[in-house]
Amino acid sequence: MTETFTAVVIDQVDGKPKGMFRQLALTDLPDHDVLVEVAYSTLNYKDGLAFTGAGRIARRTPLVAGADLAGTVVQSRSPDWKPGDRVVVNGFGMTETEGGGYTRFQKVKPEWLMRLPDGFSLEQAMAIGTAGYTAALCVLALEDWGAIQPNAGEVVVTGAAGGVGSIAVSLLSSLGYRVTASTGRPETHAYLSSLGASGFIDRASLADKGGALQKERWAGAVDTVGSTTLANVIAQTVYGGAVATCGLAGGADLPATVMPFILRGVTLLGIDSVMTPMAKRVRAWDYLDKHLNRDHLAAMTSVEPMSNLPALADAILAGKTRGRVVIDVTK
């Protein structure tokens, strides 16, 4: 192991948190039981907020950024993990209260670690990342609730060209669902069609305030946007349908009424990916291993060096990224 290595650290600059590159040593890492040699991390909207300081994601500083990591165990004081184990960590406060994956090495708590399914490489694990595993949680929630059936009714995915949206479109279409993609970028239609989207709705049509009850259309929905978009999706969901919500790219508010819930029996399913119990995580990753189309995953993924993070963070906040961006922490 090298004596020092490059990491992205959130620290205070003129009283505001901002990401910067620093050289760290193993002694700078937290005193957790498992040392992981990180191969890849990924780029999430949260990472863009944390790196730029546009959102106060890091609750303490200095703190290594990056909400995900995939790598190999190097040292372990835990009997559950041994050198050579391939592992993935999503969430658990990384980049908020705990050091994250934008580093060559990281020490983590044993209970955060999940064994990577044999069907995925380390790079593919971060092509999926929190975004993909969140998408799987959304689809599983809709199926478990019984709101959607293959080849019956439309399922809308908002923010469809983003990370969660792309994998949700791919998963749903591969499972036989009729997927409508909501996006404000017509140039992504061919891309989304290649992932299995069979129809499109312009995000602008969901962004303006609408009626409390609108024409019934969606059997189910995966929403990554929140705010007025989510309110309109709920108002357009059919009797007995359900909406899985997991994001707030459009805002944290929900300007809706109770009418769809009490007159149409619509269900709103909240999806958390940060502190999800391990049993649900394992189920979601096994589901991805079984159902995620690997060609789709490759088509939606780009690999970027960690040195490009300043530009990438700006791009994801501006809605200019597409699909999944894997961060190679060695470059």
C-alpha atoms as a PDB file:
ATOM      1  CA  MET A   1       0.000   0.000   0.000  1.00  0.00           C
ATOM      2  CA  THR A   2       1.168   3.482  -0.792  1.00  0.00           C
ATOM      3  CA  GLU A   3       2.111   5.806   2.060  1.00  0.00           C
ATOM      4  CA  THR A   4      -0.240   8.503   0.794  1.00  0.00           C
ATOM      5  CA  PHE A   5      -3.110   8.565  -1.677  1.00  0.00           C
ATOM      6  CA  THR A   6      -5.453  11.100  -3.248  1.00  0.00           C
ATOM      7  CA  ALA A   7      -8.929  11.644  -1.841  1.00  0.00           C
ATOM      8  CA  VAL A   8     -11.725  14.148  -2.323  1.00  0.00           C
ATOM      9  CA  VAL A   9     -12.400  15.907   0.970  1.00  0.00           C
ATOM     10  CA  ILE A  10     -15.270  18.217   1.883  1.00  0.00           C
ATOM     11  CA  ASP A  11     -13.927  21.057   3.980  1.00  0.00           C
ATOM     12  CA  GLN A  12     -14.790  24.630   4.852  1.00  0.00           C
ATOM     13  CA  VAL A  13     -13.825  27.376   2.386  1.00  0.00           C
ATOM     14  CA  ASP A  14     -14.822  30.867   3.494  1.00  0.00           C
ATOM     15  CA  GLY A  15     -17.319  29.327   5.869  1.00  0.00           C
ATOM     16  CA  LYS A  16     -18.927  27.083   3.258  1.00  0.00           C
ATOM     17  CA  PRO A  17     -18.389  23.339   2.588  1.00  0.00           C
ATOM     18  CA  LYS A  18     -16.633  22.540  -0.686  1.00  0.00           C
ATOM     19  CA  GLY A  19     -14.845  19.585  -2.244  1.00  0.00           C
ATOM     20  CA  MET A  20     -11.094  19.584  -2.774  1.00  0.00           C
ATOM     21  CA  PHE A  21      -8.329  17.092  -3.558  1.00  0.00           C
ATOM     22  CA  ARG A  22      -6.007  16.151  -0.714  1.00  0.00           C
ATOM     23  CA  GLN A  23      -3.302  13.622   0.021  1.00  0.00           C
ATOM     24  CA  LEU A  24      -4.219  11.313   2.883  1.00  0.00           C
ATOM     25  CA  ALA A  25      -2.518   8.501   4.783  1.00  0.00           C
ATOM     26  CA  LEU A  26      -4.117   5.445   6.360  1.00  0.00           C
ATOM     27  CA  THR A  27      -3.780   7.146   9.737  1.00  0.00           C
ATOM     28  CA  ASP A  28      -6.161   9.863   8.495  1.00  0.00           C
ATOM     29  CA  LEU A  29      -8.980   7.355   8.043  1.00  0.00           C
ATOM     30  CA  PRO A  30     -11.552   6.571  10.764  1.00  0.00           C
ATOM     31  CA  ASP A  31     -10.823   3.761  13.229  1.00  0.00           C
ATOM     32  CA  HIS A  32     -13.320   1.311  11.773  1.00  0.00           C
ATOM     33  CA  ASP A  33     -12.681  -2.426  11.612  1.00  0.00           C
ATOM     34  CA  VAL A  34     -12.400  -3.130   7.882  1.00  0.00           C
ATOM     35  CA  LEU A  35      -9.933  -1.518   5.479  1.00  0.00           C
ATOM     36  CA  VAL A  36     -11.095  -1.572   1.857  1.00  0.00           C
ATOM     37  CA  GLU A  37      -9.010  -0.825  -1.204  1.00  0.00           C
ATOM     38  CA  VAL A  38     -11.494   1.139  -3.278  1.00  0.00           C
ATOM     39  CA  ALA A  39     -11.583   0.505  -7.024  1.00  0.00           C
ATOM     40  CA  TYR A  40     -14.575   2.617  -8.043  1.00  0.00           C
ATOM     41  CA  SER A  41     -17.144   5.019  -6.698  1.00  0.00           C
ATOM     42  CA  THR A  42     -19.939   6.735  -8.586  1.00  0.00           C
ATOM     43  CA  LEU A  43     -21.616  10.100  -9.155  1.00  0.00           C
ATOM     44  CA  ASN A  44     -24.971  10.804  -7.527  1.00  0.00           C
ATOM     45  CA  TYR A  45     -26.962  14.035  -7.350  1.00  0.00           C
ATOM     46  CA  LYS A  46     -26.097  14.093  -3.643  1.00  0.00           C
ATOM     47  CA  ASP A  47     -22.396  13.944  -4.545  1.00  0.00           C
ATOM     48  CA  GLY A  48     -22.807  16.956  -6.803  1.00  0.00           C
ATOM     49  CA  LEU A  49     -24.456  18.888  -3.979  1.00  0.00           C
ATOM     50  CA  ALA A  50     -21.737  17.887  -1.510  1.00  0.00           C
ATOM     51  CA  PHE A  51     -18.776  18.632  -3.797  1.00  0.00           C
ATOM     52  CA  THR A  52     -19.981  22.041  -4.947  1.00  0.00           C
ATOM     53  CA  GLY A  53     -21.425  23.103  -1.604  1.00  0.00           C
ATOM     54  CA  ALA A  54     -24.779  23.745  -3.291  1.00  0.00           C
ATOM     55  CA  GLY A  55     -26.321  21.597  -0.571  1.00  0.00           C
ATOM     56  CA  ARG A  56     -25.119  21.072   2.988  1.00  0.00           C
ATOM     57  CA  ILE A  57     -24.722  17.326   2.677  1.00  0.00           C
ATOM     58  CA  ALA A  58     -21.627  16.917   4.874  1.00  0.00           C
ATOM     59  CA  ARG A  59     -22.731  17.442   8.464  1.00  0.00           C
ATOM     60  CA  ARG A  60     -19.168  17.620   9.701  1.00  0.00           C
ATOM     61  CA  THR A  61     -15.908  18.598   8.058  1.00  0.00           C
ATOM     62  CA  PRO A  62     -13.364  17.636   6.951  1.00  0.00           C
ATOM     63  CA  LEU A  63     -14.973  14.512   5.492  1.00  0.00           C
ATOM     64  CA  VAL A  64     -14.084  12.266   2.556  1.00  0.00           C
ATOM     65  CA  ALA A  65     -16.844  12.558  -0.055  1.00  0.00           C
ATOM     66  CA  GLY A  66     -18.588   9.872  -2.110  1.00  0.00           C
ATOM     67  CA  ALA A  67     -21.811   8.069  -1.169  1.00  0.00           C
ATOM     68  CA  ASP A  68     -20.776   4.693  -2.657  1.00  0.00           C
ATOM     69  CA  LEU A  69     -17.762   2.445  -2.996  1.00  0.00           C
ATOM     70  CA  ALA A  70     -16.827  -0.909  -4.471  1.00  0.00           C
ATOM     71  CA  GLY A  71     -13.553  -2.593  -3.700  1.00  0.00           C
ATOM     72  CA  THR A  72     -11.642  -5.388  -2.007  1.00  0.00           C
ATOM     73  CA  VAL A  73     -11.023  -5.988   1.675  1.00  0.00           C
ATOM     74  CA  VAL A  74      -7.354  -5.498   2.579  1.00  0.00           C
ATOM     75  CA  GLN A  75      -7.403  -5.832   6.364  1.00  0.00           C
ATOM     76  CA  SER A  76     -10.140  -6.796   8.818  1.00  0.00           C
ATOM     77  CA  ARG A  77     -10.579  -6.978  12.575  1.00  0.00           C
ATOM     78  CA  SER A  78     -14.021  -8.500  11.975  1.00  0.00           C
ATOM     79  CA  PRO A  79     -14.484 -12.285  11.707  1.00  0.00           C
ATOM     80  CA  ASP A  80     -17.146 -11.690   9.054  1.00  0.00           C
ATOM     81  CA  TRP A  81     -14.714 -10.281   6.491  1.00  0.00           C
ATOM     82  CA  LYS A  82     -11.329 -11.349   5.207  1.00  0.00           C
ATOM     83  CA  PRO A  83      -8.732  -9.985   2.765  1.00  0.00           C
ATOM     84  CA  GLY A  84      -9.808 -10.568  -0.819  1.00  0.00           C
ATOM     85  CA  ASP A  85     -13.558 -10.261  -0.219  1.00  0.00           C
ATOM     86  CA  ARG A  86     -15.247  -8.161  -2.921  1.00  0.00           C
ATOM     87  CA  VAL A  87     -17.578  -5.697  -1.261  1.00  0.00           C
ATOM     88  CA  VAL A  88     -19.907  -2.796  -1.930  1.00  0.00           C
ATOM     89  CA  VAL A  89     -21.139  -0.039   0.380  1.00  0.00           C
ATOM     90  CA  ASN A  90     -24.114   2.213  -0.404  1.00  0.00           C
ATOM     91  CA  GLY A  91     -25.118   5.003   1.951  1.00  0.00           C
ATOM     92  CA  PHE A  92     -24.911   4.433   5.713  1.00  0.00           C
ATOM     93  CA  GLY A  93     -24.104   8.125   6.109  1.00  0.00           C
ATOM     94  CA  MET A  94     -21.093   8.154   3.793  1.00  0.00           C
ATOM     95  CA  THR A  95     -20.391  11.734   2.679  1.00  0.00           C
ATOM     96  CA  GLU A  96     -22.842  12.970   5.350  1.00  0.00           C
ATOM     97  CA  THR A  97     -21.451  11.862   8.703  1.00  0.00           C
ATOM     98  CA  GLU A  98     -18.997   9.157   7.590  1.00  0.00           C
ATOM     99  CA  GLY A  99     -16.068   9.102   5.193  1.00  0.00           C
ATOM    100  CA  GLY A 100     -17.037   8.041   1.681  1.00  0.00           C
ATOM    101  CA  GLY A 101     -15.732   6.418  -1.471  1.00  0.00           C
ATOM    102  CA  TYR A 102     -13.781   9.159  -3.266  1.00  0.00           C
ATOM    103  CA  THR A 103     -10.492   7.760  -2.020  1.00  0.00           C
ATOM    104  CA  ARG A 104      -8.074   4.933  -2.767  1.00  0.00           C
ATOM    105  CA  PHE A 105      -8.577   3.407   0.687  1.00  0.00           C
ATOM    106  CA  GLN A 106     -11.383   3.656   3.236  1.00  0.00           C
ATOM    107  CA  LYS A 107     -12.081   2.113   6.635  1.00  0.00           C
ATOM    108  CA  VAL A 108     -15.695   1.077   7.221  1.00  0.00           C
ATOM    109  CA  LYS A 109     -17.820  -0.659   9.799  1.00  0.00           C
ATOM    110  CA  PRO A 110     -18.351  -4.390   9.110  1.00  0.00           C
ATOM    111  CA  GLU A 111     -22.138  -4.059   9.232  1.00  0.00           C
ATOM    112  CA  TRP A 112     -22.083  -1.618   6.284  1.00  0.00           C
ATOM    113  CA  LEU A 113     -20.486  -4.130   3.931  1.00  0.00           C
ATOM    114  CA  MET A 114     -22.365  -6.272   1.452  1.00  0.00           C
ATOM    115  CA  ARG A 115     -20.805  -9.069  -0.564  1.00  0.00           C
ATOM    116  CA  LEU A 116     -20.922  -8.265  -4.232  1.00  0.00           C
ATOM    117  CA  PRO A 117     -22.922 -10.854  -6.203  1.00  0.00           C
ATOM    118  CA  ASP A 118     -20.663 -12.957  -8.432  1.00  0.00           C
ATOM    119  CA  GLY A 119     -22.572 -11.743 -11.490  1.00  0.00           C
ATOM    120  CA  PHE A 120     -21.169  -8.211 -11.206  1.00  0.00           C
ATOM    121  CA  SER A 121     -17.684  -6.766 -11.591  1.00  0.00           C
ATOM    122  CA  LEU A 122     -16.526  -3.945  -9.305  1.00  0.00           C
ATOM    123  CA  GLU A 123     -17.046  -1.498 -12.153  1.00  0.00           C
ATOM    124  CA  GLN A 124     -20.581  -2.778 -12.766  1.00  0.00           C
ATOM    125  CA  ALA A 125     -21.288  -2.504  -9.040  1.00  0.00           C
ATOM    126  CA  MET A 126     -20.698   1.235  -9.237  1.00  0.00           C
ATOM    127  CA  ALA A 127     -22.486   1.516 -12.574  1.00  0.00           C
ATOM    128  CA  ILE A 128     -25.429   0.387 -10.462  1.00  0.00           C
ATOM    129  CA  GLY A 129     -24.477   2.172  -7.236  1.00  0.00           C
ATOM    130  CA  THR A 130     -27.013   3.763  -4.931  1.00  0.00           C
ATOM    131  CA  ALA A 131     -29.038   4.910  -7.945  1.00  0.00           C
ATOM    132  CA  GLY A 132     -29.519   1.420  -9.344  1.00  0.00           C
ATOM    133  CA  TYR A 133     -30.163  -0.245  -6.034  1.00  0.00           C
ATOM    134  CA  THR A 134     -32.691   2.510  -5.251  1.00  0.00           C
ATOM    135  CA  ALA A 135     -34.400   1.806  -8.579  1.00  0.00           C
ATOM    136  CA  ALA A 136     -34.609  -1.866  -7.613  1.00  0.00           C
ATOM    137  CA  LEU A 137     -36.120  -0.941  -4.231  1.00  0.00           C
ATOM    138  CA  CYS A 138     -38.744   1.140  -6.053  1.00  0.00           C
ATOM    139  CA  VAL A 139     -39.710  -1.635  -8.461  1.00  0.00           C
ATOM    140  CA  LEU A 140     -39.828  -4.214  -5.671  1.00  0.00           C
ATOM    141  CA  ALA A 141     -42.051  -1.916  -3.588  1.00  0.00           C
ATOM    142  CA  LEU A 142     -44.506  -1.506  -6.468  1.00  0.00           C
ATOM    143  CA  GLU A 143     -44.569  -5.258  -7.124  1.00  0.00           C
ATOM    144  CA  ASP A 144     -44.896  -6.143  -3.440  1.00  0.00           C
ATOM    145  CA  TRP A 145     -47.825  -3.749  -3.114  1.00  0.00           C
ATOM    146  CA  GLY A 146     -49.471  -5.421  -6.095  1.00  0.00           C
ATOM    147  CA  ALA A 147     -50.121  -2.160  -7.933  1.00  0.00           C
ATOM    148  CA  ILE A 148     -48.497  -3.143 -11.231  1.00  0.00           C
ATOM    149  CA  GLN A 149     -48.720  -6.157 -13.507  1.00  0.00           C
ATOM    150  CA  PRO A 150     -46.645  -6.971 -16.597  1.00  0.00           C
ATOM    151  CA  ASN A 151     -48.372  -5.969 -19.843  1.00  0.00           C
ATOM    152  CA  ALA A 152     -51.155  -4.207 -17.909  1.00  0.00           C
ATOM    153  CA  GLY A 153     -51.237  -0.440 -17.537  1.00  0.00           C
ATOM    154  CA  GLU A 154     -48.558   2.198 -17.936  1.00  0.00           C
ATOM    155  CA  VAL A 155     -45.757   2.777 -15.442  1.00  0.00           C
ATOM    156  CA  VAL A 156     -44.234   6.245 -15.589  1.00  0.00           C
ATOM    157  CA  VAL A 157     -40.646   7.007 -14.593  1.00  0.00           C
ATOM    158  CA  THR A 158     -39.832  10.658 -13.922  1.00  0.00           C
ATOM    159  CA  GLY A 159     -36.310  11.966 -14.373  1.00  0.00           C
ATOM    160  CA  ALA A 160     -35.974   8.999 -16.682  1.00  0.00           C
ATOM    161  CA  ALA A 161     -32.607   9.872 -18.222  1.00  0.00           C
ATOM    162  CA  GLY A 162     -30.910  10.133 -14.821  1.00  0.00           C
ATOM    163  CA  GLY A 163     -29.266   7.348 -12.854  1.00  0.00           C
ATOM    164  CA  VAL A 164     -32.265   6.013 -10.933  1.00  0.00           C
ATOM    165  CA  GLY A 165     -34.546   6.634 -13.895  1.00  0.00           C
ATOM    166  CA  SER A 166     -32.378   4.827 -16.436  1.00  0.00           C
ATOM    167  CA  ILE A 167     -32.100   1.674 -14.379  1.00  0.00           C
ATOM    168  CA  ALA A 168     -35.786   1.808 -13.442  1.00  0.00           C
ATOM    169  CA  VAL A 169     -36.729   2.014 -17.144  1.00  0.00           C
ATOM    170  CA  SER A 170     -34.444  -0.924 -17.961  1.00  0.00           C
ATOM    171  CA  LEU A 171     -35.665  -3.089 -15.074  1.00  0.00           C
ATOM    172  CA  LEU A 172     -39.359  -2.417 -15.673  1.00  0.00           C
ATOM    173  CA  SER A 173     -39.156  -3.017 -19.419  1.00  0.00           C
ATOM    174  CA  SER A 174     -37.123  -6.213 -18.961  1.00  0.00           C
ATOM    175  CA  LEU A 175     -39.826  -7.469 -16.594  1.00  0.00           C
ATOM    176  CA  GLY A 176     -42.568  -6.860 -19.165  1.00  0.00           C
ATOM    177  CA  TYR A 177     -43.991  -3.562 -17.941  1.00  0.00           C
ATOM    178  CA  ARG A 178     -45.111  -0.826 -20.340  1.00  0.00           C
ATOM    179  CA  VAL A 179     -42.859   2.110 -19.462  1.00  0.00           C
ATOM    180  CA  THR A 180     -43.444   5.786 -20.193  1.00  0.00           C
ATOM    181  CA  ALA A 181     -40.387   7.953 -19.659  1.00  0.00           C
ATOM    182  CA  SER A 182     -40.727  11.527 -18.436  1.00  0.00           C
ATOM    183  CA  THR A 183     -37.857  13.757 -19.553  1.00  0.00           C
ATOM    184  CA  GLY A 184     -37.289  17.296 -20.683  1.00  0.00           C
ATOM    185  CA  ARG A 185     -34.517  16.317 -23.081  1.00  0.00           C
ATOM    186  CA  PRO A 186     -35.829  15.049 -26.440  1.00  0.00           C
ATOM    187  CA  GLU A 187     -32.274  14.113 -27.402  1.00  0.00           C
ATOM    188  CA  THR A 188     -32.457  11.271 -24.838  1.00  0.00           C
ATOM    189  CA  HIS A 189     -35.492   9.603 -26.436  1.00  0.00           C
ATOM    190  CA  ALA A 190     -33.444   7.213 -28.580  1.00  0.00           C
ATOM    191  CA  TYR A 191     -31.339   6.289 -25.548  1.00  0.00           C
ATOM    192  CA  LEU A 192     -34.407   5.654 -23.396  1.00  0.00           C
ATOM    193  CA  SER A 193     -36.063   3.673 -26.178  1.00  0.00           C
ATOM    194  CA  SER A 194     -32.986   1.443 -26.271  1.00  0.00           C
ATOM    195  CA  LEU A 195     -33.552   0.761 -22.562  1.00  0.00           C
ATOM    196  CA  GLY A 196     -37.148  -0.258 -23.232  1.00  0.00           C
ATOM    197  CA  ALA A 197     -39.241   2.907 -22.875  1.00  0.00           C
ATOM    198  CA  SER A 198     -42.325   2.609 -25.086  1.00  0.00           C
ATOM    199  CA  GLY A 199     -43.608   6.166 -24.677  1.00  0.00           C
ATOM    200  CA  PHE A 200     -42.606   9.634 -23.539  1.00  0.00           C
ATOM    201  CA  ILE A 201     -44.109  12.549 -21.669  1.00  0.00           C
ATOM    202  CA  ASP A 202     -42.435  15.942 -21.528  1.00  0.00           C
ATOM    203  CA  ARG A 203     -41.482  16.861 -17.982  1.00  0.00           C
ATOM    204  CA  ALA A 204     -42.928  20.347 -18.550  1.00  0.00           C
ATOM    205  CA  SER A 205     -46.427  18.845 -18.688  1.00  0.00           C
ATOM    206  CA  LEU A 206     -45.935  17.533 -15.152  1.00  0.00           C
ATOM    207  CA  ALA A 207     -44.153  20.590 -13.785  1.00  0.00           C
ATOM    208  CA  ASP A 208     -47.086  23.034 -13.697  1.00  0.00           C
ATOM    209  CA  LYS A 209     -49.663  22.910 -10.932  1.00  0.00           C
ATOM    210  CA  GLY A 210     -52.610  20.732 -11.935  1.00  0.00           C
ATOM    211  CA  GLY A 211     -55.909  19.630 -10.480  1.00  0.00           C
ATOM    212  CA  ALA A 212     -56.263  17.537  -7.356  1.00  0.00           C
ATOM    213  CA  LEU A 213     -57.756  14.704  -9.450  1.00  0.00           C
ATOM    214  CA  GLN A 214     -56.731  14.397 -13.089  1.00  0.00           C
ATOM    215  CA  LYS A 215     -57.382  11.862 -15.834  1.00  0.00           C
ATOM    216  CA  GLU A 216     -56.333   8.420 -14.620  1.00  0.00           C
ATOM    217  CA  ARG A 217     -53.334   7.114 -16.527  1.00  0.00           C
ATOM    218  CA  TRP A 218     -50.569   5.487 -14.446  1.00  0.00           C
ATOM    219  CA  ALA A 219     -50.887   2.059 -12.862  1.00  0.00           C
ATOM    220  CA  GLY A 220     -47.651   2.814 -11.053  1.00  0.00           C
ATOM    221  CA  ALA A 221     -44.796   5.272 -10.995  1.00  0.00           C
ATOM    222  CA  VAL A 222     -41.165   5.665 -10.003  1.00  0.00           C
ATOM    223  CA  ASP A 223     -40.612   9.317  -9.120  1.00  0.00           C
ATOM    224  CA  THR A 224     -37.170  10.877  -8.681  1.00  0.00           C
ATOM    225  CA  VAL A 225     -38.268  14.515  -8.926  1.00  0.00           C
ATOM    226  CA  GLY A 226     -40.709  15.362  -6.130  1.00  0.00           C
ATOM    227  CA  SER A 227     -42.586  18.661  -5.811  1.00  0.00           C
ATOM    228  CA  THR A 228     -45.244  19.499  -8.434  1.00  0.00           C
ATOM    229  CA  THR A 229     -44.158  16.635 -10.683  1.00  0.00           C
ATOM    230  CA  LEU A 230     -44.892  14.107  -7.957  1.00  0.00           C
ATOM    231  CA  ALA A 231     -48.196  15.827  -7.126  1.00  0.00           C
ATOM    232  CA  ASN A 232     -49.336  15.556 -10.756  1.00  0.00           C
ATOM    233  CA  VAL A 233     -48.230  11.929 -11.037  1.00  0.00           C
ATOM    234  CA  ILE A 234     -50.252  11.078  -7.920  1.00  0.00           C
ATOM    235  CA  ALA A 235     -53.273  12.938  -9.329  1.00  0.00           C
ATOM    236  CA  GLN A 236     -53.008  10.915 -12.580  1.00  0.00           C
ATOM    237  CA  THR A 237     -52.569   7.494 -10.944  1.00  0.00           C
ATOM    238  CA  VAL A 238     -55.381   5.002 -11.483  1.00  0.00           C
ATOM    239  CA  TYR A 239     -57.665   3.631  -8.785  1.00  0.00           C
ATOM    240  CA  GLY A 240     -55.610   1.337  -6.534  1.00  0.00           C
ATOM    241  CA  GLY A 241     -52.318   2.352  -8.141  1.00  0.00           C
ATOM    242  CA  ALA A 242     -49.108   3.238  -6.331  1.00  0.00           C
ATOM    243  CA  VAL A 243     -46.218   5.671  -6.641  1.00  0.00           C
ATOM    244  CA  ALA A 244     -42.718   4.921  -5.330  1.00  0.00           C
ATOM    245  CA  THR A 245     -40.909   8.160  -4.539  1.00  0.00           C
ATOM    246  CA  CYS A 246     -37.172   8.376  -3.920  1.00  0.00           C
ATOM    247  CA  GLY A 247     -35.878  11.796  -5.002  1.00  0.00           C
ATOM    248  CA  LEU A 248     -36.246  15.554  -4.837  1.00  0.00           C
ATOM    249  CA  ALA A 249     -34.428  16.913  -7.886  1.00  0.00           C
ATOM    250  CA  GLY A 250     -37.403  19.220  -8.467  1.00  0.00           C
ATOM    251  CA  GLY A 251     -37.920  20.160  -4.824  1.00  0.00           C
ATOM    252  CA  ALA A 252     -38.686  18.722  -1.400  1.00  0.00           C
ATOM    253  CA  ASP A 253     -42.230  20.084  -1.224  1.00  0.00           C
ATOM    254  CA  LEU A 254     -45.385  18.173  -2.166  1.00  0.00           C
ATOM    255  CA  PRO A 255     -48.178  20.567  -3.247  1.00  0.00           C
ATOM    256  CA  ALA A 256     -50.870  17.890  -3.359  1.00  0.00           C
ATOM    257  CA  THR A 257     -54.208  17.078  -1.706  1.00  0.00           C
ATOM    258  CA  VAL A 258     -55.525  13.958  -0.028  1.00  0.00           C
ATOM    259  CA  MET A 259     -58.083  13.431  -2.799  1.00  0.00           C
ATOM    260  CA  PRO A 260     -56.223  10.723  -4.808  1.00  0.00           C
ATOM    261  CA  PHE A 261     -55.585   8.802  -1.604  1.00  0.00           C
ATOM    262  CA  ILE A 262     -59.109   8.841  -0.195  1.00  0.00           C
ATOM    263  CA  LEU A 263     -61.112   8.739  -3.457  1.00  0.00           C
ATOM    264  CA  ARG A 264     -58.930   6.479  -5.621  1.00  0.00           C
ATOM    265  CA  GLY A 265     -57.047   4.482  -3.006  1.00  0.00           C
ATOM    266  CA  VAL A 266     -53.693   5.599  -4.410  1.00  0.00           C
ATOM    267  CA  THR A 267     -50.659   4.633  -2.313  1.00  0.00           C
ATOM    268  CA  LEU A 268     -47.477   6.684  -1.908  1.00  0.00           C
ATOM    269  CA  LEU A 269     -44.485   4.458  -1.153  1.00  0.00           C
ATOM    270  CA  GLY A 270     -41.464   6.214   0.332  1.00  0.00           C
ATOM    271  CA  ILE A 271     -38.107   4.682  -0.627  1.00  0.00           C
ATOM    272  CA  ASP A 272     -35.004   5.234   1.506  1.00  0.00           C
ATOM    273  CA  SER A 273     -31.689   3.830   0.321  1.00  0.00           C
ATOM    274  CA  VAL A 274     -29.286   5.249   2.909  1.00  0.00           C
ATOM    275  CA  MET A 275     -30.254   3.302   6.037  1.00  0.00           C
ATOM    276  CA  THR A 276     -32.111   0.385   4.424  1.00  0.00           C
ATOM    277  CA  PRO A 277     -31.745  -2.839   6.466  1.00  0.00           C
ATOM    278  CA  MET A 278     -29.213  -5.282   5.051  1.00  0.00           C
ATOM    279  CA  ALA A 279     -31.803  -7.960   4.228  1.00  0.00           C
ATOM    280  CA  LYS A 280     -33.597  -5.544   1.884  1.00  0.00           C
ATOM    281  CA  ARG A 281     -30.274  -4.488   0.337  1.00  0.00           C
ATOM    282  CA  VAL A 282     -29.310  -8.082  -0.396  1.00  0.00           C
ATOM    283  CA  ARG A 283     -32.744  -8.731  -1.900  1.00  0.00           C
ATOM    284  CA  ALA A 284     -32.440  -5.657  -4.149  1.00  0.00           C
ATOM    285  CA  TRP A 285     -28.966  -6.596  -5.370  1.00  0.00           C
ATOM    286  CA  ASP A 286     -30.031 -10.201  -6.017  1.00  0.00           C
ATOM    287  CA  TYR A 287     -32.995  -8.808  -7.960  1.00  0.00           C
ATOM    288  CA  LEU A 288     -30.633  -6.667 -10.044  1.00  0.00           C
ATOM    289  CA  ASP A 289     -28.336  -9.641 -10.623  1.00  0.00           C
ATOM    290  CA  LYS A 290     -31.298 -11.648 -11.911  1.00  0.00           C
ATOM    291  CA  HIS A 291     -33.167  -9.034 -13.942  1.00  0.00           C
ATOM    292  CA  LEU A 292     -30.877  -6.146 -14.967  1.00  0.00           C
ATOM    293  CA  ASN A 293     -29.937  -6.299 -18.640  1.00  0.00           C
ATOM    294  CA  ARG A 294     -26.117  -6.098 -18.797  1.00  0.00           C
ATOM    295  CA  ASP A 295     -26.167  -4.597 -22.296  1.00  0.00           C
ATOM    296  CA  HIS A 296     -28.475  -1.856 -21.025  1.00  0.00           C
ATOM    297  CA  LEU A 297     -26.143  -1.273 -18.075  1.00  0.00           C
ATOM    298  CA  ALA A 298     -23.154  -0.895 -20.387  1.00  0.00           C
ATOM    299  CA  ALA A 299     -25.052   1.471 -22.678  1.00  0.00           C
ATOM    300  CA  MET A 300     -26.010   3.798 -19.841  1.00  0.00           C
ATOM    301  CA  THR A 301     -22.560   3.859 -18.183  1.00  0.00           C
ATOM    302  CA  SER A 302     -19.502   6.039 -18.643  1.00  0.00           C
ATOM    303  CA  VAL A 303     -16.284   5.781 -16.603  1.00  0.00           C
ATOM    304  CA  GLU A 304     -14.560   9.011 -15.587  1.00  0.00           C
ATOM    305  CA  PRO A 305     -11.367   9.698 -13.618  1.00  0.00           C
ATOM    306  CA  MET A 306     -11.787  11.155 -10.143  1.00  0.00           C
ATOM    307  CA  SER A 307      -9.769  14.163 -11.331  1.00  0.00           C
ATOM    308  CA  ASN A 308     -12.814  15.204 -13.437  1.00  0.00           C
ATOM    309  CA  LEU A 309     -15.118  15.511 -10.419  1.00  0.00           C
ATOM    310  CA  PRO A 310     -15.282  19.338 -10.397  1.00  0.00           C
ATOM    311  CA  ALA A 311     -16.801  19.411 -13.894  1.00  0.00           C
ATOM    312  CA  LEU A 312     -18.920  16.307 -13.296  1.00  0.00           C
ATOM    313  CA  ALA A 313     -20.438  17.733 -10.115  1.00  0.00           C
ATOM    314  CA  ASP A 314     -21.509  20.865 -11.978  1.00  0.00           C
ATOM    315  CA  ALA A 315     -22.899  18.774 -14.839  1.00  0.00           C
ATOM    316  CA  ILE A 316     -25.111  16.537 -12.700  1.00  0.00           C
ATOM    317  CA  LEU A 317     -26.592  19.518 -10.855  1.00  0.00           C
ATOM    318  CA  ALA A 318     -27.346  21.167 -14.203  1.00  0.00           C
ATOM    319  CA  GLY A 319     -29.106  18.016 -15.442  1.00  0.00           C
ATOM    320  CA  LYS A 320     -26.524  17.468 -18.155  1.00  0.00           C
ATOM    321  CA  THR A 321     -25.437  13.946 -17.282  1.00  0.00           C
ATOM    322  CA  ARG A 322     -27.100  10.842 -18.678  1.00  0.00           C
ATOM    323  CA  GLY A 323     -27.411   7.440 -17.121  1.00  0.00           C
ATOM    324  CA  ARG A 324     -24.667   6.368 -14.749  1.00  0.00           C
ATOM    325  CA  VAL A 325     -21.208   7.842 -14.224  1.00  0.00           C
ATOM    326  CA  VAL A 326     -18.615   5.555 -12.605  1.00  0.00           C
ATOM    327  CA  ILE A 327     -15.700   7.274 -10.861  1.00  0.00           C
ATOM    328  CA  ASP A 328     -12.299   5.587 -11.191  1.00  0.00           C
ATOM    329  CA  VAL A 329     -10.624   6.605  -7.931  1.00  0.00           C
ATOM    330  CA  THR A 330      -7.178   5.537  -9.182  1.00  0.00           C
ATOM    331  CA  LYS A 331      -7.030   8.346 -11.754  1.00  0.00           C
END
